[in-house]
Full PDB file with SEQRES, HELIX, SHEET, SSBOND, CRYST1, ORIGX, SCALE, CONECT and MASTER records, all heavy atoms in Angstrom:
SEQRES   1 A   37  PRO ALA GLY ASN PHE ILE GLU CYS THR ILE ASP THR PRO          
SEQRES   2 A   37  TYR LEU GLN ILE GLY GLU HIS LYS TYR GLY LYS PRO VAL          
SEQRES   3 A   37  LEU ASP ARG ALA MET HIS TYR ASP VAL GLU LEU                  
HELIX    1 AA1 LYS A   24  ALA A   30  1                                   7    
CRYST1    1.000    1.000    1.000  90.00  90.00  90.00 P 1           1          
ORIGX1      1.000000  0.000000  0.000000        0.00000                         
ORIGX2      0.000000  1.000000  0.000000        0.00000                         
ORIGX3      0.000000  0.000000  1.000000        0.00000                         
SCALE1      1.000000  0.000000  0.000000        0.00000                         
SCALE2      0.000000  1.000000  0.000000        0.00000                         
SCALE3      0.000000  0.000000  1.000000        0.00000                         
ATOM      1  N   PRO A   1     119.451 159.871  89.777  1.00  0.00           N  
ATOM      2  CA  PRO A   1     119.796 159.206  88.504  1.00  0.00           C  
ATOM      3  C   PRO A   1     121.284 158.949  88.315  1.00  0.00           C  
ATOM      4  O   PRO A   1     121.656 158.041  87.562  1.00  0.00           O  
ATOM      5  CB  PRO A   1     119.272 160.181  87.447  1.00  0.00           C  
ATOM      6  CG  PRO A   1     118.169 160.916  88.124  1.00  0.00           C  
ATOM      7  CD  PRO A   1     118.600 161.062  89.549  1.00  0.00           C  
ATOM      8  N   ALA A   2     122.142 159.719  88.994  1.00  0.00           N  
ATOM      9  CA  ALA A   2     123.584 159.490  88.872  1.00  0.00           C  
ATOM     10  C   ALA A   2     124.074 158.388  89.798  1.00  0.00           C  
ATOM     11  O   ALA A   2     125.248 158.007  89.750  1.00  0.00           O  
ATOM     12  CB  ALA A   2     124.347 160.783  89.162  1.00  0.00           C  
ATOM     13  N   GLY A   3     123.194 157.883  90.652  1.00  0.00           N  
ATOM     14  CA  GLY A   3     123.581 156.830  91.582  1.00  0.00           C  
ATOM     15  C   GLY A   3     124.014 157.340  92.941  1.00  0.00           C  
ATOM     16  O   GLY A   3     124.256 156.544  93.849  1.00  0.00           O  
ATOM     17  N   ASN A   4     124.131 158.653  93.102  1.00  0.00           N  
ATOM     18  CA  ASN A   4     124.424 159.220  94.414  1.00  0.00           C  
ATOM     19  C   ASN A   4     123.150 159.271  95.240  1.00  0.00           C  
ATOM     20  O   ASN A   4     122.049 159.136  94.708  1.00  0.00           O  
ATOM     21  CB  ASN A   4     125.036 160.603  94.274  1.00  0.00           C  
ATOM     22  CG  ASN A   4     124.153 161.568  93.521  1.00  0.00           C  
ATOM     23  OD1 ASN A   4     123.541 161.202  92.510  1.00  0.00           O  
ATOM     24  ND2 ASN A   4     124.062 162.801  93.976  1.00  0.00           N  
ATOM     25  N   PHE A   5     123.279 159.483  96.548  1.00  0.00           N  
ATOM     26  CA  PHE A   5     122.074 159.445  97.380  1.00  0.00           C  
ATOM     27  C   PHE A   5     122.224 160.308  98.620  1.00  0.00           C  
ATOM     28  O   PHE A   5     123.327 160.705  99.009  1.00  0.00           O  
ATOM     29  CB  PHE A   5     121.733 157.999  97.778  1.00  0.00           C  
ATOM     30  CG  PHE A   5     122.859 157.223  98.414  1.00  0.00           C  
ATOM     31  CD1 PHE A   5     123.113 157.305  99.775  1.00  0.00           C  
ATOM     32  CD2 PHE A   5     123.645 156.377  97.643  1.00  0.00           C  
ATOM     33  CE1 PHE A   5     124.133 156.576 100.358  1.00  0.00           C  
ATOM     34  CE2 PHE A   5     124.673 155.632  98.221  1.00  0.00           C  
ATOM     35  CZ  PHE A   5     124.915 155.730  99.581  1.00  0.00           C  
ATOM     36  N   ILE A   6     121.068 160.610  99.215  1.00  0.00           N  
ATOM     37  CA  ILE A   6     121.022 161.309 100.494  1.00  0.00           C  
ATOM     38  C   ILE A   6     120.230 160.442 101.467  1.00  0.00           C  
ATOM     39  O   ILE A   6     119.493 159.542 101.058  1.00  0.00           O  
ATOM     40  CB  ILE A   6     120.372 162.707 100.386  1.00  0.00           C  
ATOM     41  CG1 ILE A   6     118.915 162.609  99.922  1.00  0.00           C  
ATOM     42  CG2 ILE A   6     121.180 163.603  99.464  1.00  0.00           C  
ATOM     43  CD1 ILE A   6     118.158 163.921  99.978  1.00  0.00           C  
ATOM     44  N   GLU A   7     120.375 160.735 102.770  1.00  0.00           N  
ATOM     45  CA  GLU A   7     119.703 159.942 103.792  1.00  0.00           C  
ATOM     46  C   GLU A   7     118.736 160.808 104.579  1.00  0.00           C  
ATOM     47  O   GLU A   7     119.005 161.979 104.875  1.00  0.00           O  
ATOM     48  CB  GLU A   7     120.722 159.309 104.736  1.00  0.00           C  
ATOM     49  CG  GLU A   7     120.091 158.401 105.772  1.00  0.00           C  
ATOM     50  CD  GLU A   7     121.119 157.617 106.584  1.00  0.00           C  
ATOM     51  OE1 GLU A   7     122.324 157.809 106.360  1.00  0.00           O  
ATOM     52  OE2 GLU A   7     120.693 156.807 107.439  1.00  0.00           O  
ATOM     53  N   CYS A   8     117.606 160.222 104.937  1.00  0.00           N  
ATOM     54  CA  CYS A   8     116.608 160.871 105.775  1.00  0.00           C  
ATOM     55  C   CYS A   8     117.207 161.149 107.155  1.00  0.00           C  
ATOM     56  O   CYS A   8     118.032 160.390 107.657  1.00  0.00           O  
ATOM     57  CB  CYS A   8     115.407 159.947 105.893  1.00  0.00           C  
ATOM     58  SG  CYS A   8     113.982 160.650 106.691  1.00  0.00           S  
ATOM     59  N   THR A   9     116.780 162.264 107.779  1.00  0.00           N  
ATOM     60  CA  THR A   9     117.281 162.643 109.092  1.00  0.00           C  
ATOM     61  C   THR A   9     116.130 162.868 110.065  1.00  0.00           C  
ATOM     62  O   THR A   9     114.963 162.970 109.667  1.00  0.00           O  
ATOM     63  CB  THR A   9     118.115 163.934 109.007  1.00  0.00           C  
ATOM     64  OG1 THR A   9     117.247 165.040 108.683  1.00  0.00           O  
ATOM     65  CG2 THR A   9     119.215 163.824 107.951  1.00  0.00           C  
ATOM     66  N   ILE A  10     116.453 162.978 111.346  1.00  0.00           N  
ATOM     67  CA  ILE A  10     115.443 163.262 112.365  1.00  0.00           C  
ATOM     68  C   ILE A  10     114.801 164.622 112.105  1.00  0.00           C  
ATOM     69  O   ILE A  10     113.605 164.805 112.325  1.00  0.00           O  
ATOM     70  CB  ILE A  10     116.074 163.204 113.769  1.00  0.00           C  
ATOM     71  CG1 ILE A  10     116.479 161.772 114.103  1.00  0.00           C  
ATOM     72  CG2 ILE A  10     115.117 163.743 114.827  1.00  0.00           C  
ATOM     73  CD1 ILE A  10     117.199 161.632 115.430  1.00  0.00           C  
ATOM     74  N   ASP A  11     115.574 165.591 111.636  1.00  0.00           N  
ATOM     75  CA  ASP A  11     115.049 166.938 111.406  1.00  0.00           C  
ATOM     76  C   ASP A  11     113.993 166.953 110.306  1.00  0.00           C  
ATOM     77  O   ASP A  11     113.008 167.687 110.385  1.00  0.00           O  
ATOM     78  CB  ASP A  11     116.189 167.899 111.046  1.00  0.00           C  
ATOM     79  CG  ASP A  11     117.156 168.088 112.186  1.00  0.00           C  
ATOM     80  OD1 ASP A  11     116.696 168.073 113.341  1.00  0.00           O  
ATOM     81  OD2 ASP A  11     118.360 168.233 111.930  1.00  0.00           O  
ATOM     82  N   THR A  12     114.209 166.204 109.246  1.00  0.00           N  
ATOM     83  CA  THR A  12     113.239 166.087 108.155  1.00  0.00           C  
ATOM     84  C   THR A  12     113.007 164.604 107.911  1.00  0.00           C  
ATOM     85  O   THR A  12     113.714 163.978 107.120  1.00  0.00           O  
ATOM     86  CB  THR A  12     113.765 166.773 106.872  1.00  0.00           C  
ATOM     87  OG1 THR A  12     114.106 168.124 107.175  1.00  0.00           O  
ATOM     88  CG2 THR A  12     112.699 166.758 105.782  1.00  0.00           C  
ATOM     89  N   PRO A  13     112.002 164.009 108.601  1.00  0.00           N  
ATOM     90  CA  PRO A  13     111.881 162.552 108.624  1.00  0.00           C  
ATOM     91  C   PRO A  13     111.126 161.959 107.446  1.00  0.00           C  
ATOM     92  O   PRO A  13     110.491 160.917 107.589  1.00  0.00           O  
ATOM     93  CB  PRO A  13     111.134 162.305 109.943  1.00  0.00           C  
ATOM     94  CG  PRO A  13     110.258 163.501 110.070  1.00  0.00           C  
ATOM     95  CD  PRO A  13     111.055 164.663 109.508  1.00  0.00           C  
ATOM     96  N   TYR A  14     111.175 162.601 106.292  1.00  0.00           N  
ATOM     97  CA  TYR A  14     110.504 162.027 105.129  1.00  0.00           C  
ATOM     98  C   TYR A  14     111.265 162.400 103.858  1.00  0.00           C  
ATOM     99  O   TYR A  14     111.986 163.396 103.803  1.00  0.00           O  
ATOM    100  CB  TYR A  14     109.056 162.515 105.019  1.00  0.00           C  
ATOM    101  CG  TYR A  14     108.913 163.980 104.715  1.00  0.00           C  
ATOM    102  CD1 TYR A  14     108.930 164.448 103.401  1.00  0.00           C  
ATOM    103  CD2 TYR A  14     108.775 164.911 105.728  1.00  0.00           C  
ATOM    104  CE1 TYR A  14     108.819 165.795 103.113  1.00  0.00           C  
ATOM    105  CE2 TYR A  14     108.670 166.266 105.452  1.00  0.00           C  
ATOM    106  CZ  TYR A  14     108.685 166.698 104.145  1.00  0.00           C  
ATOM    107  OH  TYR A  14     108.590 168.046 103.865  1.00  0.00           O  
ATOM    108  N   LEU A  15     111.095 161.575 102.832  1.00  0.00           N  
ATOM    109  CA  LEU A  15     111.658 161.817 101.514  1.00  0.00           C  
ATOM    110  C   LEU A  15     110.586 161.514 100.479  1.00  0.00           C  
ATOM    111  O   LEU A  15     109.740 160.644 100.687  1.00  0.00           O  
ATOM    112  CB  LEU A  15     112.895 160.939 101.272  1.00  0.00           C  
ATOM    113  CG  LEU A  15     114.111 161.214 102.162  1.00  0.00           C  
ATOM    114  CD1 LEU A  15     115.157 160.101 101.987  1.00  0.00           C  
ATOM    115  CD2 LEU A  15     114.726 162.574 101.857  1.00  0.00           C  
ATOM    116  N   GLN A  16     110.643 162.221  99.335  1.00  0.00           N  
ATOM    117  CA  GLN A  16     109.656 162.039  98.270  1.00  0.00           C  
ATOM    118  C   GLN A  16     110.355 161.971  96.925  1.00  0.00           C  
ATOM    119  O   GLN A  16     111.409 162.586  96.726  1.00  0.00           O  
ATOM    120  CB  GLN A  16     108.692 163.227  98.223  1.00  0.00           C  
ATOM    121  CG  GLN A  16     107.945 163.528  99.507  1.00  0.00           C  
ATOM    122  CD  GLN A  16     107.323 164.908  99.447  1.00  0.00           C  
ATOM    123  OE1 GLN A  16     107.995 165.923  99.622  1.00  0.00           O  
ATOM    124  NE2 GLN A  16     106.029 164.970  99.153  1.00  0.00           N  
ATOM    125  N   ILE A  17     109.748 161.244  95.988  1.00  0.00           N  
ATOM    126  CA  ILE A  17     110.192 161.257  94.597  1.00  0.00           C  
ATOM    127  C   ILE A  17     108.962 161.347  93.702  1.00  0.00           C  
ATOM    128  O   ILE A  17     107.841 161.060  94.117  1.00  0.00           O  
ATOM    129  CB  ILE A  17     111.025 160.019  94.227  1.00  0.00           C  
ATOM    130  CG1 ILE A  17     110.261 158.719  94.537  1.00  0.00           C  
ATOM    131  CG2 ILE A  17     112.373 160.031  94.920  1.00  0.00           C  
ATOM    132  CD1 ILE A  17     110.976 157.455  94.074  1.00  0.00           C  
ATOM    133  N   GLY A  18     109.198 161.753  92.470  1.00  0.00           N  
ATOM    134  CA  GLY A  18     108.095 161.900  91.531  1.00  0.00           C  
ATOM    135  C   GLY A  18     107.416 163.244  91.696  1.00  0.00           C  
ATOM    136  O   GLY A  18     108.060 164.267  91.948  1.00  0.00           O  
ATOM    137  N   GLU A  19     106.101 163.254  91.561  1.00  0.00           N  
ATOM    138  CA  GLU A  19     105.307 164.491  91.621  1.00  0.00           C  
ATOM    139  C   GLU A  19     105.062 164.840  93.087  1.00  0.00           C  
ATOM    140  O   GLU A  19     103.997 164.579  93.654  1.00  0.00           O  
ATOM    141  CB  GLU A  19     103.985 164.274  90.878  1.00  0.00           C  
ATOM    142  CG  GLU A  19     103.141 165.513  90.725  1.00  0.00           C  
ATOM    143  CD  GLU A  19     103.875 166.639  90.026  1.00  0.00           C  
ATOM    144  OE1 GLU A  19     103.876 166.679  88.789  1.00  0.00           O  
ATOM    145  OE2 GLU A  19     104.461 167.482  90.742  1.00  0.00           O  
ATOM    146  N   HIS A  20     106.072 165.452  93.707  1.00  0.00           N  
ATOM    147  CA  HIS A  20     106.060 165.602  95.156  1.00  0.00           C  
ATOM    148  C   HIS A  20     105.492 166.923  95.669  1.00  0.00           C  
ATOM    149  O   HIS A  20     105.159 167.039  96.840  1.00  0.00           O  
ATOM    150  CB  HIS A  20     107.476 165.446  95.701  1.00  0.00           C  
ATOM    151  CG  HIS A  20     108.427 166.489  95.188  1.00  0.00           C  
ATOM    152  ND1 HIS A  20     109.173 166.292  94.042  1.00  0.00           N  
ATOM    153  CD2 HIS A  20     108.738 167.727  95.641  1.00  0.00           C  
ATOM    154  CE1 HIS A  20     109.914 167.368  93.826  1.00  0.00           C  
ATOM    155  NE2 HIS A  20     109.666 168.239  94.776  1.00  0.00           N  
ATOM    156  N   LYS A  21     105.350 167.924  94.794  1.00  0.00           N  
ATOM    157  CA  LYS A  21     105.095 169.268  95.299  1.00  0.00           C  
ATOM    158  C   LYS A  21     103.715 169.437  95.927  1.00  0.00           C  
ATOM    159  O   LYS A  21     103.549 170.223  96.860  1.00  0.00           O  
ATOM    160  CB  LYS A  21     105.283 170.306  94.192  1.00  0.00           C  
ATOM    161  CG  LYS A  21     104.425 170.122  92.943  1.00  0.00           C  
ATOM    162  CD  LYS A  21     104.746 171.196  91.915  1.00  0.00           C  
ATOM    163  CE  LYS A  21     103.991 171.007  90.617  1.00  0.00           C  
ATOM    164  NZ  LYS A  21     104.462 169.817  89.873  1.00  0.00           N  
ATOM    165  N   TYR A  22     102.716 168.696  95.463  1.00  0.00           N  
ATOM    166  CA  TYR A  22     101.365 168.869  96.003  1.00  0.00           C  
ATOM    167  C   TYR A  22     101.205 168.215  97.379  1.00  0.00           C  
ATOM    168  O   TYR A  22     100.416 168.678  98.198  1.00  0.00           O  
ATOM    169  CB  TYR A  22     100.325 168.282  95.034  1.00  0.00           C  
ATOM    170  CG  TYR A  22     100.358 168.922  93.675  1.00  0.00           C  
ATOM    171  CD1 TYR A  22     100.808 168.215  92.561  1.00  0.00           C  
ATOM    172  CD2 TYR A  22      99.953 170.245  93.495  1.00  0.00           C  
ATOM    173  CE1 TYR A  22     100.845 168.798  91.309  1.00  0.00           C  
ATOM    174  CE2 TYR A  22      99.992 170.835  92.239  1.00  0.00           C  
ATOM    175  CZ  TYR A  22     100.442 170.107  91.155  1.00  0.00           C  
ATOM    176  OH  TYR A  22     100.488 170.685  89.915  1.00  0.00           O  
ATOM    177  N   GLY A  23     101.937 167.167  97.617  1.00  0.00           N  
ATOM    178  CA  GLY A  23     101.832 166.478  98.900  1.00  0.00           C  
ATOM    179  C   GLY A  23     102.797 166.968  99.953  1.00  0.00           C  
ATOM    180  O   GLY A  23     102.642 166.644 101.138  1.00  0.00           O  
ATOM    181  N   LYS A  24     103.791 167.768  99.560  1.00  0.00           N  
ATOM    182  CA  LYS A  24     104.817 168.204 100.510  1.00  0.00           C  
ATOM    183  C   LYS A  24     104.281 169.120 101.607  1.00  0.00           C  
ATOM    184  O   LYS A  24     104.683 168.976 102.778  1.00  0.00           O  
ATOM    185  CB  LYS A  24     105.955 168.885  99.754  1.00  0.00           C  
ATOM    186  CG  LYS A  24     107.172 169.194 100.618  1.00  0.00           C  
ATOM    187  CD  LYS A  24     108.307 169.737  99.769  1.00  0.00           C  
ATOM    188  CE  LYS A  24     109.590 169.889 100.583  1.00  0.00           C  
ATOM    189  NZ  LYS A  24     109.454 170.871 101.656  1.00  0.00           N  
ATOM    190  N   PRO A  25     103.382 170.090 101.319  1.00  0.00           N  
ATOM    191  CA  PRO A  25     102.909 170.963 102.402  1.00  0.00           C  
ATOM    192  C   PRO A  25     102.255 170.217 103.548  1.00  0.00           C  
ATOM    193  O   PRO A  25     102.389 170.613 104.713  1.00  0.00           O  
ATOM    194  CB  PRO A  25     101.905 171.882 101.688  1.00  0.00           C  
ATOM    195  CG  PRO A  25     102.366 171.918 100.271  1.00  0.00           C  
ATOM    196  CD  PRO A  25     102.884 170.535 100.010  1.00  0.00           C  
ATOM    197  N   VAL A  26     101.541 169.139 103.251  1.00  0.00           N  
ATOM    198  CA  VAL A  26     100.923 168.337 104.312  1.00  0.00           C  
ATOM    199  C   VAL A  26     101.993 167.751 105.224  1.00  0.00           C  
ATOM    200  O   VAL A  26     101.899 167.810 106.463  1.00  0.00           O  
ATOM    201  CB  VAL A  26     100.060 167.215 103.705  1.00  0.00           C  
ATOM    202  CG1 VAL A  26      99.521 166.291 104.792  1.00  0.00           C  
ATOM    203  CG2 VAL A  26      98.930 167.794 102.877  1.00  0.00           C  
ATOM    204  N   LEU A  27     103.040 167.192 104.626  1.00  0.00           N  
ATOM    205  CA  LEU A  27     104.114 166.600 105.413  1.00  0.00           C  
ATOM    206  C   LEU A  27     104.888 167.656 106.183  1.00  0.00           C  
ATOM    207  O   LEU A  27     105.273 167.440 107.341  1.00  0.00           O  
ATOM    208  CB  LEU A  27     105.050 165.822 104.488  1.00  0.00           C  
ATOM    209  CG  LEU A  27     104.416 164.661 103.721  1.00  0.00           C  
ATOM    210  CD1 LEU A  27     105.401 164.102 102.690  1.00  0.00           C  
ATOM    211  CD2 LEU A  27     103.951 163.561 104.652  1.00  0.00           C  
ATOM    212  N   ASP A  28     105.124 168.807 105.555  1.00  0.00           N  
ATOM    213  CA  ASP A  28     105.855 169.879 106.227  1.00  0.00           C  
ATOM    214  C   ASP A  28     105.153 170.323 107.511  1.00  0.00           C  
ATOM    215  O   ASP A  28     105.793 170.623 108.523  1.00  0.00           O  
ATOM    216  CB  ASP A  28     106.007 171.087 105.299  1.00  0.00           C  
ATOM    217  CG  ASP A  28     107.066 170.870 104.232  1.00  0.00           C  
ATOM    218  OD1 ASP A  28     107.919 169.980 104.410  1.00  0.00           O  
ATOM    219  OD2 ASP A  28     107.043 171.599 103.228  1.00  0.00           O  
ATOM    220  N   ARG A  29     103.830 170.379 107.476  1.00  0.00           N  
ATOM    221  CA  ARG A  29     103.070 170.868 108.623  1.00  0.00           C  
ATOM    222  C   ARG A  29     102.843 169.806 109.700  1.00  0.00           C  
ATOM    223  O   ARG A  29     102.762 170.140 110.885  1.00  0.00           O  
ATOM    224  CB  ARG A  29     101.707 171.407 108.157  1.00  0.00           C  
ATOM    225  CG  ARG A  29     101.795 172.691 107.353  1.00  0.00           C  
ATOM    226  CD  ARG A  29     100.415 173.156 106.926  1.00  0.00           C  
ATOM    227  NE  ARG A  29     100.480 174.370 106.130  1.00  0.00           N  
ATOM    228  CZ  ARG A  29     100.530 175.604 106.622  1.00  0.00           C  
ATOM    229  NH1 ARG A  29     100.527 175.785 107.932  1.00  0.00           N  
ATOM    230  NH2 ARG A  29     100.579 176.639 105.812  1.00  0.00           N  
ATOM    231  N   ALA A  30     102.724 168.552 109.313  1.00  0.00           N  
ATOM    232  CA  ALA A  30     102.247 167.543 110.262  1.00  0.00           C  
ATOM    233  C   ALA A  30     103.273 166.496 110.663  1.00  0.00           C  
ATOM    234  O   ALA A  30     103.084 165.815 111.675  1.00  0.00           O  
ATOM    235  CB  ALA A  30     101.021 166.833 109.669  1.00  0.00           C  
ATOM    236  N   MET A  31     104.349 166.335 109.904  1.00  0.00           N  
ATOM    237  CA  MET A  31     105.235 165.205 110.146  1.00  0.00           C  
ATOM    238  C   MET A  31     106.429 165.610 111.012  1.00  0.00           C  
ATOM    239  O   MET A  31     107.083 166.616 110.762  1.00  0.00           O  
ATOM    240  CB  MET A  31     105.741 164.635 108.814  1.00  0.00           C  
ATOM    241  CG  MET A  31     106.322 163.237 108.956  1.00  0.00           C  
ATOM    242  SD  MET A  31     105.111 162.007 109.498  1.00  0.00           S  
ATOM    243  CE  MET A  31     104.088 161.910 108.030  1.00  0.00           C  
ATOM    244  N   HIS A  32     106.701 164.797 112.035  1.00  0.00           N  
ATOM    245  CA  HIS A  32     107.921 164.939 112.813  1.00  0.00           C  
ATOM    246  C   HIS A  32     108.327 163.564 113.323  1.00  0.00           C  
ATOM    247  O   HIS A  32     107.557 162.593 113.249  1.00  0.00           O  
ATOM    248  CB  HIS A  32     107.754 165.942 113.958  1.00  0.00           C  
ATOM    249  CG  HIS A  32     106.637 165.621 114.905  1.00  0.00           C  
ATOM    250  ND1 HIS A  32     106.792 164.763 115.973  1.00  0.00           N  
ATOM    251  CD2 HIS A  32     105.348 166.044 114.935  1.00  0.00           C  
ATOM    252  CE1 HIS A  32     105.653 164.670 116.630  1.00  0.00           C  
ATOM    253  NE2 HIS A  32     104.757 165.431 116.023  1.00  0.00           N  
ATOM    254  N   TYR A  33     109.524 163.467 113.853  1.00  0.00           N  
ATOM    255  CA  TYR A  33     110.128 162.169 114.148  1.00  0.00           C  
ATOM    256  C   TYR A  33     109.361 161.376 115.207  1.00  0.00           C  
ATOM    257  O   TYR A  33     109.396 160.144 115.215  1.00  0.00           O  
ATOM    258  CB  TYR A  33     111.577 162.375 114.587  1.00  0.00           C  
ATOM    259  CG  TYR A  33     112.349 161.098 114.809  1.00  0.00           C  
ATOM    260  CD1 TYR A  33     112.650 160.246 113.741  1.00  0.00           C  
ATOM    261  CD2 TYR A  33     112.775 160.727 116.089  1.00  0.00           C  
ATOM    262  CE1 TYR A  33     113.356 159.075 113.942  1.00  0.00           C  
ATOM    263  CE2 TYR A  33     113.484 159.549 116.291  1.00  0.00           C  
ATOM    264  CZ  TYR A  33     113.773 158.729 115.216  1.00  0.00           C  
ATOM    265  OH  TYR A  33     114.468 157.565 115.414  1.00  0.00           O  
ATOM    266  N   ASP A  34     108.651 162.057 116.110  1.00  0.00           N  
ATOM    267  CA  ASP A  34     107.957 161.376 117.200  1.00  0.00           C  
ATOM    268  C   ASP A  34     106.499 161.042 116.887  1.00  0.00           C  
ATOM    269  O   ASP A  34     105.762 160.599 117.777  1.00  0.00           O  
ATOM    270  CB  ASP A  34     108.030 162.223 118.470  1.00  0.00           C  
ATOM    271  CG  ASP A  34     109.449 162.277 119.032  1.00  0.00           C  
ATOM    272  OD1 ASP A  34     110.111 161.223 119.059  1.00  0.00           O  
ATOM    273  OD2 ASP A  34     109.901 163.375 119.412  1.00  0.00           O  
ATOM    274  N   VAL A  35     106.059 161.260 115.657  1.00  0.00           N  
ATOM    275  CA  VAL A  35     104.702 160.883 115.267  1.00  0.00           C  
ATOM    276  C   VAL A  35     104.536 159.360 115.383  1.00  0.00           C  
ATOM    277  O   VAL A  35     105.435 158.598 114.999  1.00  0.00           O  
ATOM    278  CB  VAL A  35     104.403 161.351 113.823  1.00  0.00           C  
ATOM    279  CG1 VAL A  35     103.124 160.731 113.298  1.00  0.00           C  
ATOM    280  CG2 VAL A  35     104.308 162.863 113.772  1.00  0.00           C  
ATOM    281  N   GLU A  36     103.392 158.919 115.921  1.00  0.00           N  
ATOM    282  CA  GLU A  36     103.118 157.483 116.017  1.00  0.00           C  
ATOM    283  C   GLU A  36     103.056 156.884 114.612  1.00  0.00           C  
ATOM    284  O   GLU A  36     102.676 157.539 113.649  1.00  0.00           O  
ATOM    285  CB  GLU A  36     101.785 157.278 116.751  1.00  0.00           C  
ATOM    286  CG  GLU A  36     101.495 155.843 117.150  1.00  0.00           C  
ATOM    287  CD  GLU A  36     100.819 155.039 116.042  1.00  0.00           C  
ATOM    288  OE1 GLU A  36     100.107 155.650 115.207  1.00  0.00           O  
ATOM    289  OE2 GLU A  36     101.018 153.810 115.988  1.00  0.00           O  
ATOM    290  N   LEU A  37     103.441 155.624 114.488  1.00  0.00           N  
ATOM    291  CA  LEU A  37     103.684 155.013 113.186  1.00  0.00           C  
ATOM    292  C   LEU A  37     102.457 155.066 112.282  1.00  0.00           C  
ATOM    293  O   LEU A  37     102.554 155.431 111.100  1.00  0.00           O  
ATOM    294  CB  LEU A  37     104.142 153.568 113.391  1.00  0.00           C  
ATOM    295  CG  LEU A  37     104.648 152.821 112.157  1.00  0.00           C  
ATOM    296  CD1 LEU A  37     105.813 153.547 111.503  1.00  0.00           C  
ATOM    297  CD2 LEU A  37     105.068 151.401 112.549  1.00  0.00           C  
TER     298      LEU A  37                                                      
MASTER        0    0    0    1    0    0    0    6  297    1    0    3          
END                                                                             
């Protein structure tokens, strides 16, 4: 909201906004940079 920002990295290849807490465990366990698109 202040206009500052962060960038996605290879180590954590996803970003979320809004009601993110319920969907985050799925991404934490399954997502990595070499996953097929």
